N, C-alpha and C. Protein backbone atom coordinates (compact mmCIF):
# COMPACT_ATOMS: atom_id res chain seq x y z
N MET A 1 69.73 -127.32 -157.92
CA MET A 1 71.10 -127.80 -157.97
C MET A 1 71.25 -128.64 -159.23
N GLY A 2 72.27 -128.37 -160.01
CA GLY A 2 72.51 -129.09 -161.25
C GLY A 2 73.15 -130.45 -161.01
N ALA A 3 73.02 -131.33 -161.98
CA ALA A 3 73.57 -132.68 -161.87
C ALA A 3 75.08 -132.68 -161.66
N ALA A 4 75.76 -131.66 -162.18
CA ALA A 4 77.21 -131.60 -162.02
C ALA A 4 77.63 -131.20 -160.62
N HIS A 5 76.69 -130.70 -159.81
CA HIS A 5 77.01 -130.20 -158.47
C HIS A 5 76.28 -130.97 -157.38
N THR A 6 76.11 -132.24 -157.54
CA THR A 6 75.42 -133.04 -156.55
C THR A 6 76.23 -134.28 -156.21
N SER A 7 76.02 -134.79 -155.01
CA SER A 7 76.69 -136.03 -154.60
C SER A 7 75.79 -137.24 -154.84
N VAL A 8 74.61 -137.02 -155.43
CA VAL A 8 73.70 -138.13 -155.69
C VAL A 8 74.32 -139.03 -156.76
N PRO A 9 74.49 -140.32 -156.44
CA PRO A 9 75.11 -141.23 -157.40
C PRO A 9 74.24 -141.40 -158.65
N ARG A 10 74.87 -141.55 -159.75
CA ARG A 10 74.18 -141.88 -161.00
C ARG A 10 74.35 -143.39 -161.20
N TRP A 11 73.49 -144.15 -160.54
CA TRP A 11 73.62 -145.61 -160.57
C TRP A 11 73.27 -146.15 -161.94
N PRO A 12 74.04 -147.12 -162.41
CA PRO A 12 73.70 -147.77 -163.68
C PRO A 12 72.38 -148.52 -163.57
N THR A 13 71.60 -148.49 -164.63
CA THR A 13 70.36 -149.26 -164.69
C THR A 13 70.45 -150.35 -165.76
N THR A 14 71.64 -150.50 -166.33
CA THR A 14 71.90 -151.61 -167.25
C THR A 14 73.08 -152.41 -166.69
N ASP A 15 73.16 -153.64 -167.08
CA ASP A 15 74.17 -154.55 -166.56
C ASP A 15 75.59 -154.06 -166.89
N PRO A 16 76.40 -153.80 -165.86
CA PRO A 16 77.77 -153.35 -166.11
C PRO A 16 78.69 -154.49 -166.56
N GLY A 17 78.22 -155.72 -166.43
CA GLY A 17 79.04 -156.88 -166.80
C GLY A 17 80.04 -157.25 -165.73
N VAL A 18 80.62 -158.41 -165.88
CA VAL A 18 81.61 -158.93 -164.94
C VAL A 18 82.99 -158.41 -165.33
N ASP A 19 83.71 -157.91 -164.35
CA ASP A 19 85.09 -157.44 -164.58
C ASP A 19 85.98 -158.67 -164.70
N ARG A 20 86.40 -158.98 -165.89
CA ARG A 20 87.19 -160.19 -166.14
C ARG A 20 88.57 -160.14 -165.49
N ALA A 21 88.99 -158.96 -165.04
CA ALA A 21 90.27 -158.84 -164.34
C ALA A 21 90.14 -159.28 -162.88
N GLY A 22 88.90 -159.42 -162.40
CA GLY A 22 88.68 -159.83 -161.02
C GLY A 22 89.19 -161.24 -160.76
N ARG A 23 89.73 -161.45 -159.56
CA ARG A 23 90.26 -162.78 -159.22
C ARG A 23 89.34 -163.53 -158.28
N ALA A 24 88.47 -162.81 -157.57
CA ALA A 24 87.46 -163.41 -156.69
C ALA A 24 86.30 -162.43 -156.62
N PHE A 25 85.10 -162.96 -156.40
CA PHE A 25 83.91 -162.13 -156.48
C PHE A 25 82.96 -162.37 -155.31
N ALA A 26 82.26 -161.31 -154.94
CA ALA A 26 81.12 -161.39 -154.02
C ALA A 26 79.95 -160.76 -154.76
N ILE A 27 78.85 -161.49 -154.85
CA ILE A 27 77.66 -161.02 -155.55
C ILE A 27 76.52 -160.94 -154.57
N MET A 28 75.86 -159.78 -154.51
CA MET A 28 74.69 -159.61 -153.66
C MET A 28 73.53 -159.13 -154.52
N ALA A 29 72.43 -159.89 -154.49
CA ALA A 29 71.22 -159.53 -155.23
C ALA A 29 70.12 -159.30 -154.20
N PHE A 30 69.60 -158.09 -154.16
CA PHE A 30 68.58 -157.71 -153.19
C PHE A 30 67.20 -157.69 -153.86
N GLY A 31 66.29 -158.51 -153.35
CA GLY A 31 64.91 -158.51 -153.85
C GLY A 31 64.73 -159.32 -155.12
N PRO A 32 63.45 -159.58 -155.45
CA PRO A 32 63.14 -160.46 -156.59
C PRO A 32 63.57 -159.90 -157.95
N ASP A 33 63.55 -158.59 -158.12
CA ASP A 33 63.94 -158.01 -159.42
C ASP A 33 65.43 -158.18 -159.70
N ALA A 34 66.23 -158.30 -158.65
CA ALA A 34 67.68 -158.43 -158.81
C ALA A 34 68.13 -159.89 -158.92
N ALA A 35 67.26 -160.83 -158.56
CA ALA A 35 67.65 -162.24 -158.57
C ALA A 35 68.17 -162.70 -159.94
N PRO A 36 67.48 -162.39 -161.04
CA PRO A 36 68.00 -162.83 -162.35
C PRO A 36 69.37 -162.21 -162.68
N VAL A 37 69.58 -160.98 -162.26
CA VAL A 37 70.87 -160.32 -162.49
C VAL A 37 71.96 -161.06 -161.73
N GLY A 38 71.70 -161.34 -160.45
CA GLY A 38 72.67 -162.07 -159.63
C GLY A 38 72.98 -163.44 -160.21
N GLU A 39 71.95 -164.13 -160.70
CA GLU A 39 72.15 -165.45 -161.30
C GLU A 39 73.01 -165.34 -162.57
N HIS A 40 72.74 -164.33 -163.38
CA HIS A 40 73.53 -164.12 -164.60
C HIS A 40 74.99 -163.86 -164.24
N TRP A 41 75.23 -162.97 -163.28
CA TRP A 41 76.61 -162.68 -162.86
C TRP A 41 77.29 -163.94 -162.34
N HIS A 42 76.54 -164.73 -161.55
CA HIS A 42 77.10 -165.96 -160.99
C HIS A 42 77.55 -166.90 -162.11
N ARG A 43 76.71 -167.07 -163.12
CA ARG A 43 77.07 -167.94 -164.26
C ARG A 43 78.32 -167.41 -164.97
N GLU A 44 78.40 -166.10 -165.16
CA GLU A 44 79.55 -165.50 -165.85
C GLU A 44 80.84 -165.72 -165.05
N VAL A 45 80.78 -165.53 -163.74
CA VAL A 45 81.97 -165.74 -162.90
C VAL A 45 82.35 -167.22 -162.90
N ALA A 46 81.35 -168.10 -162.84
CA ALA A 46 81.63 -169.55 -162.87
C ALA A 46 82.34 -169.93 -164.17
N ARG A 47 81.94 -169.32 -165.29
CA ARG A 47 82.61 -169.59 -166.58
C ARG A 47 84.08 -169.17 -166.54
N LEU A 48 84.37 -168.14 -165.76
CA LEU A 48 85.76 -167.69 -165.63
C LEU A 48 86.57 -168.60 -164.70
N GLY A 49 85.85 -169.44 -163.93
CA GLY A 49 86.52 -170.34 -163.00
C GLY A 49 87.07 -169.64 -161.77
N ARG A 50 86.46 -168.53 -161.39
CA ARG A 50 86.93 -167.75 -160.24
C ARG A 50 86.07 -168.04 -159.01
N PRO A 51 86.66 -167.93 -157.82
CA PRO A 51 85.87 -168.11 -156.60
C PRO A 51 84.77 -167.05 -156.52
N VAL A 52 83.60 -167.47 -156.04
CA VAL A 52 82.48 -166.53 -155.94
C VAL A 52 81.64 -166.84 -154.71
N TRP A 53 81.24 -165.80 -154.02
CA TRP A 53 80.31 -165.87 -152.88
C TRP A 53 79.05 -165.16 -153.33
N VAL A 54 77.90 -165.80 -153.19
CA VAL A 54 76.64 -165.23 -153.69
C VAL A 54 75.61 -165.19 -152.57
N ARG A 55 74.93 -164.05 -152.46
CA ARG A 55 73.81 -163.92 -151.51
C ARG A 55 72.63 -163.32 -152.25
N ARG A 56 71.50 -164.01 -152.20
CA ARG A 56 70.23 -163.49 -152.72
C ARG A 56 69.34 -163.27 -151.51
N VAL A 57 69.06 -162.02 -151.22
CA VAL A 57 68.32 -161.67 -150.00
C VAL A 57 67.26 -160.63 -150.32
N GLU A 58 66.36 -160.41 -149.37
CA GLU A 58 65.30 -159.41 -149.57
C GLU A 58 65.81 -157.99 -149.41
N GLY A 59 66.70 -157.77 -148.45
CA GLY A 59 67.17 -156.41 -148.21
C GLY A 59 68.49 -156.40 -147.47
N ALA A 60 69.06 -155.21 -147.37
CA ALA A 60 70.36 -155.03 -146.72
C ALA A 60 70.16 -154.73 -145.24
N ASP A 61 69.75 -155.75 -144.48
CA ASP A 61 69.59 -155.56 -143.04
C ASP A 61 70.93 -155.78 -142.33
N GLU A 62 70.93 -155.64 -141.02
CA GLU A 62 72.17 -155.74 -140.25
C GLU A 62 72.85 -157.10 -140.42
N ALA A 63 72.06 -158.18 -140.42
CA ALA A 63 72.64 -159.52 -140.55
C ALA A 63 73.31 -159.71 -141.91
N VAL A 64 72.66 -159.24 -142.95
CA VAL A 64 73.21 -159.36 -144.31
C VAL A 64 74.48 -158.53 -144.43
N LEU A 65 74.46 -157.32 -143.89
CA LEU A 65 75.65 -156.46 -143.95
C LEU A 65 76.78 -157.03 -143.10
N ALA A 66 76.45 -157.76 -142.03
CA ALA A 66 77.49 -158.42 -141.23
C ALA A 66 78.15 -159.54 -142.05
N GLU A 67 77.34 -160.28 -142.81
CA GLU A 67 77.91 -161.31 -143.70
C GLU A 67 78.82 -160.68 -144.74
N LEU A 68 78.39 -159.56 -145.29
CA LEU A 68 79.24 -158.85 -146.25
C LEU A 68 80.53 -158.41 -145.56
N GLY A 69 80.42 -157.98 -144.32
CA GLY A 69 81.60 -157.57 -143.56
C GLY A 69 82.62 -158.69 -143.45
N GLU A 70 82.16 -159.93 -143.28
CA GLU A 70 83.08 -161.07 -143.22
C GLU A 70 83.80 -161.25 -144.55
N GLN A 71 83.07 -161.08 -145.64
CA GLN A 71 83.69 -161.17 -146.97
C GLN A 71 84.70 -160.05 -147.17
N LEU A 72 84.34 -158.85 -146.72
CA LEU A 72 85.24 -157.70 -146.85
C LEU A 72 86.53 -157.92 -146.06
N ALA A 73 86.41 -158.52 -144.89
CA ALA A 73 87.59 -158.76 -144.05
C ALA A 73 88.55 -159.75 -144.71
N ALA A 74 88.00 -160.67 -145.49
CA ALA A 74 88.83 -161.68 -146.15
C ALA A 74 89.29 -161.27 -147.55
N ALA A 75 88.79 -160.15 -148.05
CA ALA A 75 89.09 -159.72 -149.42
C ALA A 75 90.57 -159.41 -149.61
N ARG A 76 91.06 -159.76 -150.79
CA ARG A 76 92.45 -159.50 -151.16
C ARG A 76 92.48 -158.79 -152.50
N VAL A 77 93.66 -158.45 -152.96
CA VAL A 77 93.81 -157.77 -154.25
C VAL A 77 93.12 -158.59 -155.34
N GLY A 78 92.34 -157.92 -156.17
CA GLY A 78 91.63 -158.58 -157.25
C GLY A 78 90.20 -158.95 -156.90
N TRP A 79 89.80 -158.70 -155.65
CA TRP A 79 88.44 -159.01 -155.21
C TRP A 79 87.47 -157.99 -155.78
N ARG A 80 86.30 -158.45 -156.22
CA ARG A 80 85.28 -157.56 -156.79
C ARG A 80 83.95 -157.79 -156.10
N LEU A 81 83.21 -156.70 -155.90
CA LEU A 81 81.88 -156.74 -155.31
C LEU A 81 80.87 -156.34 -156.38
N MET A 82 79.82 -157.14 -156.54
CA MET A 82 78.77 -156.86 -157.51
C MET A 82 77.45 -156.77 -156.77
N LEU A 83 76.77 -155.62 -156.90
CA LEU A 83 75.54 -155.34 -156.17
C LEU A 83 74.40 -155.07 -157.14
N ALA A 84 73.26 -155.72 -156.92
CA ALA A 84 72.07 -155.47 -157.73
C ALA A 84 70.87 -155.40 -156.81
N GLY A 85 69.96 -154.46 -157.09
CA GLY A 85 68.75 -154.35 -156.31
C GLY A 85 68.30 -152.91 -156.16
N PRO A 86 67.33 -152.68 -155.27
CA PRO A 86 66.84 -151.33 -155.04
C PRO A 86 67.95 -150.41 -154.51
N GLN A 87 67.86 -149.15 -154.87
CA GLN A 87 68.87 -148.17 -154.50
C GLN A 87 69.19 -148.17 -153.00
N ALA A 88 68.18 -148.23 -152.15
CA ALA A 88 68.42 -148.16 -150.70
C ALA A 88 69.30 -149.31 -150.23
N ASP A 89 69.07 -150.52 -150.75
CA ASP A 89 69.86 -151.68 -150.35
C ASP A 89 71.26 -151.64 -150.96
N VAL A 90 71.33 -151.30 -152.23
CA VAL A 90 72.63 -151.21 -152.91
C VAL A 90 73.50 -150.17 -152.22
N LEU A 91 72.92 -149.02 -151.89
CA LEU A 91 73.68 -147.95 -151.25
C LEU A 91 74.19 -148.39 -149.87
N ALA A 92 73.38 -149.14 -149.12
CA ALA A 92 73.81 -149.62 -147.80
C ALA A 92 75.00 -150.57 -147.92
N ALA A 93 74.94 -151.49 -148.88
CA ALA A 93 76.06 -152.42 -149.08
C ALA A 93 77.28 -151.70 -149.63
N TYR A 94 77.06 -150.76 -150.53
CA TYR A 94 78.15 -149.95 -151.10
C TYR A 94 78.85 -149.18 -149.98
N ALA A 95 78.08 -148.59 -149.09
CA ALA A 95 78.67 -147.83 -147.98
C ALA A 95 79.49 -148.74 -147.07
N ALA A 96 78.97 -149.93 -146.76
CA ALA A 96 79.72 -150.87 -145.92
C ALA A 96 81.05 -151.23 -146.58
N ALA A 97 81.01 -151.42 -147.88
CA ALA A 97 82.23 -151.78 -148.61
C ALA A 97 83.24 -150.64 -148.62
N THR A 98 82.79 -149.43 -148.88
CA THR A 98 83.73 -148.30 -148.93
C THR A 98 84.29 -147.99 -147.55
N ARG A 99 83.48 -148.18 -146.51
CA ARG A 99 84.00 -147.98 -145.14
C ARG A 99 85.11 -148.98 -144.84
N ALA A 100 85.04 -150.16 -145.47
CA ALA A 100 86.05 -151.21 -145.26
C ALA A 100 87.26 -151.03 -146.17
N GLY A 101 87.23 -150.01 -147.02
CA GLY A 101 88.38 -149.73 -147.87
C GLY A 101 88.28 -150.17 -149.32
N VAL A 102 87.14 -150.71 -149.71
CA VAL A 102 86.96 -151.12 -151.11
C VAL A 102 86.86 -149.86 -151.98
N LEU A 103 87.52 -149.88 -153.11
CA LEU A 103 87.50 -148.75 -154.03
C LEU A 103 86.28 -148.82 -154.95
N ALA A 104 85.81 -147.66 -155.39
CA ALA A 104 84.66 -147.62 -156.30
C ALA A 104 84.91 -148.47 -157.55
N ALA A 105 86.14 -148.51 -158.03
CA ALA A 105 86.47 -149.29 -159.23
C ALA A 105 86.34 -150.80 -159.00
N GLU A 106 86.27 -151.22 -157.74
CA GLU A 106 86.15 -152.65 -157.41
C GLU A 106 84.70 -153.06 -157.19
N ILE A 107 83.76 -152.12 -157.37
CA ILE A 107 82.34 -152.37 -157.12
C ILE A 107 81.55 -152.14 -158.40
N ALA A 108 80.76 -153.14 -158.80
CA ALA A 108 79.84 -153.00 -159.92
C ALA A 108 78.43 -152.92 -159.36
N VAL A 109 77.62 -152.03 -159.92
CA VAL A 109 76.28 -151.78 -159.39
C VAL A 109 75.25 -151.80 -160.50
N LEU A 110 74.08 -152.37 -160.20
CA LEU A 110 72.92 -152.26 -161.07
C LEU A 110 71.71 -151.99 -160.17
N VAL A 111 71.08 -150.84 -160.34
CA VAL A 111 69.93 -150.47 -159.52
C VAL A 111 68.64 -150.85 -160.25
N THR A 112 67.79 -151.62 -159.56
CA THR A 112 66.53 -152.08 -160.14
C THR A 112 65.35 -151.20 -159.76
N ASP A 113 65.50 -150.37 -158.73
CA ASP A 113 64.40 -149.52 -158.25
C ASP A 113 65.00 -148.34 -157.51
N ASP A 114 64.66 -147.14 -157.94
CA ASP A 114 65.22 -145.96 -157.26
C ASP A 114 64.16 -145.13 -156.55
N ARG A 115 63.00 -145.73 -156.27
CA ARG A 115 61.92 -144.98 -155.62
C ARG A 115 62.13 -144.79 -154.13
N HIS A 116 62.78 -145.73 -153.48
CA HIS A 116 62.97 -145.66 -152.03
C HIS A 116 64.36 -145.12 -151.70
N ARG A 117 64.39 -144.25 -150.70
CA ARG A 117 65.66 -143.66 -150.28
C ARG A 117 65.80 -143.76 -148.76
N ARG A 118 67.04 -143.96 -148.33
CA ARG A 118 67.36 -143.86 -146.91
C ARG A 118 67.58 -142.37 -146.66
N VAL A 119 66.85 -141.81 -145.70
CA VAL A 119 66.91 -140.38 -145.41
C VAL A 119 67.38 -140.20 -143.97
N TRP A 120 68.45 -139.41 -143.80
CA TRP A 120 68.98 -139.10 -142.48
C TRP A 120 68.46 -137.74 -142.04
N CYS A 121 67.85 -137.70 -140.86
CA CYS A 121 67.33 -136.45 -140.30
C CYS A 121 68.45 -135.71 -139.60
N ALA A 122 68.72 -134.50 -140.07
CA ALA A 122 69.78 -133.66 -139.49
C ALA A 122 69.40 -133.13 -138.11
N HIS A 123 68.14 -133.31 -137.70
CA HIS A 123 67.66 -132.76 -136.44
C HIS A 123 67.68 -133.76 -135.29
N CYS A 124 67.37 -135.04 -135.59
CA CYS A 124 67.30 -136.02 -134.50
C CYS A 124 68.19 -137.25 -134.75
N ASP A 125 68.91 -137.28 -135.87
CA ASP A 125 69.85 -138.35 -136.18
C ASP A 125 69.16 -139.68 -136.50
N THR A 126 67.89 -139.65 -136.88
CA THR A 126 67.17 -140.86 -137.28
C THR A 126 67.37 -141.09 -138.77
N THR A 127 67.59 -142.35 -139.14
CA THR A 127 67.64 -142.71 -140.56
C THR A 127 66.45 -143.62 -140.84
N SER A 128 65.71 -143.29 -141.88
CA SER A 128 64.53 -144.07 -142.25
C SER A 128 64.52 -144.29 -143.76
N VAL A 129 63.72 -145.24 -144.20
CA VAL A 129 63.55 -145.49 -145.63
C VAL A 129 62.19 -144.95 -146.03
N ALA A 130 62.16 -144.15 -147.09
CA ALA A 130 60.91 -143.56 -147.55
C ALA A 130 60.82 -143.62 -149.06
N GLU A 131 59.60 -143.73 -149.56
CA GLU A 131 59.38 -143.65 -151.00
C GLU A 131 59.22 -142.17 -151.33
N VAL A 132 60.33 -141.55 -151.68
CA VAL A 132 60.38 -140.10 -151.89
C VAL A 132 61.50 -139.77 -152.87
N ALA A 133 61.27 -138.78 -153.69
CA ALA A 133 62.31 -138.32 -154.63
C ALA A 133 63.09 -137.19 -153.99
N THR A 134 64.28 -136.94 -154.49
CA THR A 134 65.03 -135.78 -154.01
C THR A 134 64.23 -134.52 -154.35
N GLY A 135 64.26 -133.57 -153.42
CA GLY A 135 63.49 -132.35 -153.59
C GLY A 135 62.08 -132.44 -153.05
N GLU A 136 61.65 -133.64 -152.65
CA GLU A 136 60.32 -133.82 -152.06
C GLU A 136 60.43 -133.85 -150.54
N VAL A 137 59.27 -133.86 -149.89
CA VAL A 137 59.20 -133.81 -148.43
C VAL A 137 58.65 -135.13 -147.90
N THR A 138 59.21 -135.58 -146.78
CA THR A 138 58.75 -136.80 -146.11
C THR A 138 58.79 -136.57 -144.60
N PRO A 139 57.88 -137.19 -143.85
CA PRO A 139 57.92 -137.02 -142.39
C PRO A 139 59.05 -137.83 -141.77
N CYS A 140 59.68 -137.28 -140.73
CA CYS A 140 60.70 -138.01 -139.98
C CYS A 140 59.99 -138.84 -138.91
N PRO A 141 60.22 -140.15 -138.87
CA PRO A 141 59.59 -140.97 -137.84
C PRO A 141 60.19 -140.74 -136.46
N GLY A 142 61.36 -140.10 -136.39
CA GLY A 142 62.01 -139.84 -135.11
C GLY A 142 61.49 -138.60 -134.40
N CYS A 143 61.43 -137.48 -135.12
CA CYS A 143 61.05 -136.21 -134.48
C CYS A 143 59.78 -135.60 -135.04
N GLY A 144 59.23 -136.18 -136.10
CA GLY A 144 57.99 -135.70 -136.66
C GLY A 144 58.11 -134.51 -137.59
N ARG A 145 59.30 -133.98 -137.76
CA ARG A 145 59.47 -132.84 -138.67
C ARG A 145 59.23 -133.27 -140.12
N SER A 146 58.80 -132.33 -140.93
CA SER A 146 58.70 -132.56 -142.37
C SER A 146 60.08 -132.30 -142.96
N LEU A 147 60.67 -133.33 -143.54
CA LEU A 147 62.04 -133.23 -144.05
C LEU A 147 62.06 -133.06 -145.56
N LEU A 148 62.81 -132.08 -146.00
CA LEU A 148 63.10 -131.92 -147.41
C LEU A 148 64.27 -132.85 -147.71
N VAL A 149 64.10 -133.74 -148.69
CA VAL A 149 65.17 -134.66 -149.07
C VAL A 149 66.08 -133.91 -150.04
N TYR A 150 67.27 -133.60 -149.56
CA TYR A 150 68.19 -132.75 -150.31
C TYR A 150 69.02 -133.56 -151.30
N HIS A 151 69.56 -132.89 -152.28
CA HIS A 151 70.39 -133.50 -153.32
C HIS A 151 71.80 -133.75 -152.79
N HIS A 152 71.89 -134.45 -151.68
CA HIS A 152 73.19 -134.80 -151.10
C HIS A 152 73.10 -136.21 -150.54
N VAL A 153 74.02 -137.06 -150.94
CA VAL A 153 74.07 -138.44 -150.45
C VAL A 153 75.41 -138.68 -149.80
N SER A 154 75.36 -139.26 -148.60
CA SER A 154 76.59 -139.70 -147.96
C SER A 154 76.80 -141.15 -148.35
N ARG A 155 77.84 -141.41 -149.10
CA ARG A 155 78.13 -142.79 -149.49
C ARG A 155 78.73 -143.57 -148.33
N ARG A 156 79.12 -142.89 -147.28
CA ARG A 156 79.65 -143.58 -146.10
C ARG A 156 78.52 -144.01 -145.16
N SER A 157 77.48 -143.18 -145.03
CA SER A 157 76.36 -143.55 -144.15
C SER A 157 75.18 -144.10 -144.94
N ALA A 158 75.27 -144.09 -146.26
CA ALA A 158 74.25 -144.68 -147.14
C ALA A 158 72.91 -143.97 -147.05
N SER A 159 72.93 -142.65 -146.92
CA SER A 159 71.67 -141.93 -146.78
C SER A 159 71.69 -140.56 -147.44
N TYR A 160 70.49 -140.11 -147.77
CA TYR A 160 70.29 -138.76 -148.28
C TYR A 160 70.11 -137.83 -147.08
N LEU A 161 70.49 -136.59 -147.24
CA LEU A 161 70.32 -135.59 -146.19
C LEU A 161 68.88 -135.09 -146.19
N GLY A 162 68.26 -135.11 -145.01
CA GLY A 162 66.93 -134.55 -144.84
C GLY A 162 66.98 -133.47 -143.78
N PHE A 163 66.37 -132.31 -144.08
CA PHE A 163 66.32 -131.23 -143.08
C PHE A 163 64.95 -130.59 -143.12
N MET A 164 64.60 -129.89 -142.04
CA MET A 164 63.27 -129.32 -141.87
C MET A 164 62.90 -128.47 -143.08
N ALA A 165 61.81 -128.84 -143.72
CA ALA A 165 61.40 -128.21 -144.98
C ALA A 165 61.12 -126.73 -144.85
N ASP A 166 60.56 -126.32 -143.73
CA ASP A 166 60.19 -124.91 -143.56
C ASP A 166 61.08 -124.19 -142.56
N ALA A 167 62.33 -124.58 -142.47
CA ALA A 167 63.25 -124.01 -141.47
C ALA A 167 63.38 -122.50 -141.60
N GLU A 168 63.41 -121.98 -142.83
CA GLU A 168 63.57 -120.54 -143.02
C GLU A 168 62.32 -119.76 -142.65
N GLU A 169 61.17 -120.43 -142.62
CA GLU A 169 59.91 -119.76 -142.35
C GLU A 169 59.55 -119.75 -140.87
N ARG A 170 60.23 -120.55 -140.08
CA ARG A 170 59.93 -120.64 -138.64
C ARG A 170 60.68 -119.58 -137.87
N PRO A 171 60.06 -119.08 -136.80
CA PRO A 171 60.75 -118.07 -135.96
C PRO A 171 61.90 -118.67 -135.17
């Protein structure tokens, strides 16, 4: 599958900068590699004199995403979300934001690590995080099948599609 025909995001790996048109900001930095990025963004927003909410956390777990949900519920026109960290965490926060109605143009992203992916098993509905590239195979912890990680990402569920690698070969 060619790059033009895939839903896999092309995440920026360089700083997209602060959107100076933003009127309020939420900054989330996931993991130690993203902490300096989050701090830089925080300083830039502070120089603009705009309200800012900052979270530096290890990962996008349920509690962290619930905190983001509170920010999303209070967001108004001009609000901007800035996400930095590993792809799996950034994608989870990005999905939460888009489910709440935030537009892609209102979200800035910087991915610090793209080795880990959230993979959704089409057979048992389990989502897991694996160190796997698209086109490679990983075991499903839910049903034990060997899943081919397909070149399809759901930005709403924050996961790559995984399906049985040898489905065509089985009776």
